[in-house]
Amino acid sequence: MSRPPLPPFTQETALQNVRLAEDAWNGRDPARVALAYSPDSRWRNRSNFVRGRAEIEAFLAQKWQRELDYRLIKEDHLYHWPAGRRPDDHAGLSELGL
């Protein structure tokens, strides 16, 4: 099954792809989200190890039952510094309005 947009991405199609992924996650339909991953996907979430679409679907169903206020924003990349301590001149979360 082909789902647009597909690589190679332009700026516009990359943003569209990000928004589609965000919408799927925030729609909280584990079966729909699991389809975005290969049948043999491997995930690690903290101490949980998940393999394959069926386990991804079950993991997401449990996650979203516990985390009722969970929301994903994939475009919110406001943090641009090398690994390590946040530079003194980089705004904090409250200064960014978050």
C-alpha atoms as a PDB file:
ATOM      1  CA  MET A   1       0.000   0.000   0.000  1.00  0.00           C
ATOM      2  CA  SER A   2       1.428   3.339  -1.025  1.00  0.00           C
ATOM      3  CA  ARG A   3       0.834   6.336   1.234  1.00  0.00           C
ATOM      4  CA  PRO A   4       1.796   9.801   0.091  1.00  0.00           C
ATOM      5  CA  PRO A   5       3.980  11.630   0.653  1.00  0.00           C
ATOM      6  CA  LEU A   6       6.882   9.348  -0.159  1.00  0.00           C
ATOM      7  CA  PRO A   7      10.590  10.191  -0.441  1.00  0.00           C
ATOM      8  CA  PRO A   8      12.350  12.053  -1.817  1.00  0.00           C
ATOM      9  CA  PHE A   9      10.761  14.867   0.187  1.00  0.00           C
ATOM     10  CA  THR A  10      10.486  18.536  -0.587  1.00  0.00           C
ATOM     11  CA  GLN A  11      10.107  21.013   2.271  1.00  0.00           C
ATOM     12  CA  GLU A  12       6.343  20.953   1.700  1.00  0.00           C
ATOM     13  CA  THR A  13       5.964  17.163   1.540  1.00  0.00           C
ATOM     14  CA  ALA A  14       8.283  16.690   4.535  1.00  0.00           C
ATOM     15  CA  LEU A  15       6.070  18.971   6.622  1.00  0.00           C
ATOM     16  CA  GLN A  16       2.996  17.128   5.331  1.00  0.00           C
ATOM     17  CA  ASN A  17       4.554  13.800   6.326  1.00  0.00           C
ATOM     18  CA  VAL A  18       5.359  15.091   9.820  1.00  0.00           C
ATOM     19  CA  ARG A  19       1.800  16.368  10.263  1.00  0.00           C
ATOM     20  CA  LEU A  20       0.267  13.073   9.088  1.00  0.00           C
ATOM     21  CA  ALA A  21       2.380  11.152  11.616  1.00  0.00           C
ATOM     22  CA  GLU A  22       1.457  13.608  14.370  1.00  0.00           C
ATOM     23  CA  ASP A  23      -2.246  13.356  13.500  1.00  0.00           C
ATOM     24  CA  ALA A  24      -2.102   9.548  13.555  1.00  0.00           C
ATOM     25  CA  TRP A  25      -0.450   9.476  17.006  1.00  0.00           C
ATOM     26  CA  ASN A  26      -2.846  12.032  18.439  1.00  0.00           C
ATOM     27  CA  GLY A  27      -5.791  10.130  16.957  1.00  0.00           C
ATOM     28  CA  ARG A  28      -4.895   7.310  19.378  1.00  0.00           C
ATOM     29  CA  ASP A  29      -5.748   4.465  17.008  1.00  0.00           C
ATOM     30  CA  PRO A  30      -3.026   1.891  17.771  1.00  0.00           C
ATOM     31  CA  ALA A  31      -3.834  -0.230  14.697  1.00  0.00           C
ATOM     32  CA  ARG A  32      -3.489   2.780  12.383  1.00  0.00           C
ATOM     33  CA  VAL A  33      -0.212   3.896  13.951  1.00  0.00           C
ATOM     34  CA  ALA A  34       1.243   0.363  13.916  1.00  0.00           C
ATOM     35  CA  LEU A  35       0.731   0.188  10.143  1.00  0.00           C
ATOM     36  CA  ALA A  36       3.298   2.967   9.721  1.00  0.00           C
ATOM     37  CA  TYR A  37       6.009   0.583  10.968  1.00  0.00           C
ATOM     38  CA  SER A  38       7.465  -2.498   9.290  1.00  0.00           C
ATOM     39  CA  PRO A  39       6.129  -5.901  10.410  1.00  0.00           C
ATOM     40  CA  ASP A  40       9.481  -6.711  12.057  1.00  0.00           C
ATOM     41  CA  SER A  41      10.030  -3.325  13.765  1.00  0.00           C
ATOM     42  CA  ARG A  42      11.864  -3.238  17.077  1.00  0.00           C
ATOM     43  CA  TRP A  43      11.189  -0.536  19.647  1.00  0.00           C
ATOM     44  CA  ARG A  44      12.621   0.299  23.025  1.00  0.00           C
ATOM     45  CA  ASN A  45      10.694   2.552  25.377  1.00  0.00           C
ATOM     46  CA  ARG A  46      12.552   2.912  28.653  1.00  0.00           C
ATOM     47  CA  SER A  47      12.712  -0.697  29.929  1.00  0.00           C
ATOM     48  CA  ASN A  48      10.122  -2.058  27.481  1.00  0.00           C
ATOM     49  CA  PHE A  49      11.190  -3.867  24.337  1.00  0.00           C
ATOM     50  CA  VAL A  50       8.550  -4.206  21.624  1.00  0.00           C
ATOM     51  CA  ARG A  51       8.821  -6.320  18.449  1.00  0.00           C
ATOM     52  CA  GLY A  52       6.479  -6.305  15.492  1.00  0.00           C
ATOM     53  CA  ARG A  53       3.214  -4.566  14.707  1.00  0.00           C
ATOM     54  CA  ALA A  54       1.056  -6.635  17.083  1.00  0.00           C
ATOM     55  CA  GLU A  55       3.254  -5.717  20.067  1.00  0.00           C
ATOM     56  CA  ILE A  56       3.437  -2.081  18.911  1.00  0.00           C
ATOM     57  CA  GLU A  57      -0.349  -1.967  18.781  1.00  0.00           C
ATOM     58  CA  ALA A  58      -0.697  -3.496  22.261  1.00  0.00           C
ATOM     59  CA  PHE A  59       1.989  -1.195  23.688  1.00  0.00           C
ATOM     60  CA  LEU A  60       0.310   1.925  22.291  1.00  0.00           C
ATOM     61  CA  ALA A  61      -3.137   0.849  23.525  1.00  0.00           C
ATOM     62  CA  GLN A  62      -1.735   0.463  27.067  1.00  0.00           C
ATOM     63  CA  LYS A  63       0.278   3.694  26.828  1.00  0.00           C
ATOM     64  CA  TRP A  64      -2.716   5.742  25.776  1.00  0.00           C
ATOM     65  CA  GLN A  65      -4.943   4.222  28.483  1.00  0.00           C
ATOM     66  CA  ARG A  66      -2.436   5.390  31.120  1.00  0.00           C
ATOM     67  CA  GLU A  67      -1.330   8.673  29.585  1.00  0.00           C
ATOM     68  CA  LEU A  68      -4.672  10.370  29.022  1.00  0.00           C
ATOM     69  CA  ASP A  69      -3.129  13.816  28.476  1.00  0.00           C
ATOM     70  CA  TYR A  70      -0.393  12.607  26.106  1.00  0.00           C
ATOM     71  CA  ARG A  71      -0.047  14.714  22.955  1.00  0.00           C
ATOM     72  CA  LEU A  72       2.651  14.576  20.315  1.00  0.00           C
ATOM     73  CA  ILE A  73       4.012  17.609  18.501  1.00  0.00           C
ATOM     74  CA  LYS A  74       6.677  16.502  16.045  1.00  0.00           C
ATOM     75  CA  GLU A  75       7.456  19.962  14.625  1.00  0.00           C
ATOM     76  CA  ASP A  76       8.246  21.608  18.041  1.00  0.00           C
ATOM     77  CA  HIS A  77      12.134  21.527  17.604  1.00  0.00           C
ATOM     78  CA  LEU A  78      13.004  24.654  19.540  1.00  0.00           C
ATOM     79  CA  TYR A  79      16.127  23.233  21.129  1.00  0.00           C
ATOM     80  CA  HIS A  80      19.277  23.758  19.096  1.00  0.00           C
ATOM     81  CA  TRP A  81      22.477  23.211  21.025  1.00  0.00           C
ATOM     82  CA  PRO A  82      25.094  20.455  21.136  1.00  0.00           C
ATOM     83  CA  ALA A  83      24.697  17.657  23.646  1.00  0.00           C
ATOM     84  CA  GLY A  84      25.221  18.781  27.212  1.00  0.00           C
ATOM     85  CA  ARG A  85      24.119  21.677  29.386  1.00  0.00           C
ATOM     86  CA  ARG A  86      21.658  24.197  27.902  1.00  0.00           C
ATOM     87  CA  PRO A  87      23.562  27.408  27.100  1.00  0.00           C
ATOM     88  CA  ASP A  88      22.786  30.342  29.394  1.00  0.00           C
ATOM     89  CA  ASP A  89      21.569  32.442  26.450  1.00  0.00           C
ATOM     90  CA  HIS A  90      19.083  29.793  25.186  1.00  0.00           C
ATOM     91  CA  ALA A  91      15.485  30.384  26.312  1.00  0.00           C
ATOM     92  CA  GLY A  92      13.951  27.999  28.838  1.00  0.00           C
ATOM     93  CA  LEU A  93      10.495  26.416  28.525  1.00  0.00           C
ATOM     94  CA  SER A  94       8.672  29.244  30.317  1.00  0.00           C
ATOM     95  CA  GLU A  95      10.433  31.843  28.169  1.00  0.00           C
ATOM     96  CA  LEU A  96       9.323  29.929  25.071  1.00  0.00           C
ATOM     97  CA  GLY A  97       5.737  29.924  26.310  1.00  0.00           C
ATOM     98  CA  LEU A  98       5.658  26.152  26.876  1.00  0.00           C
END
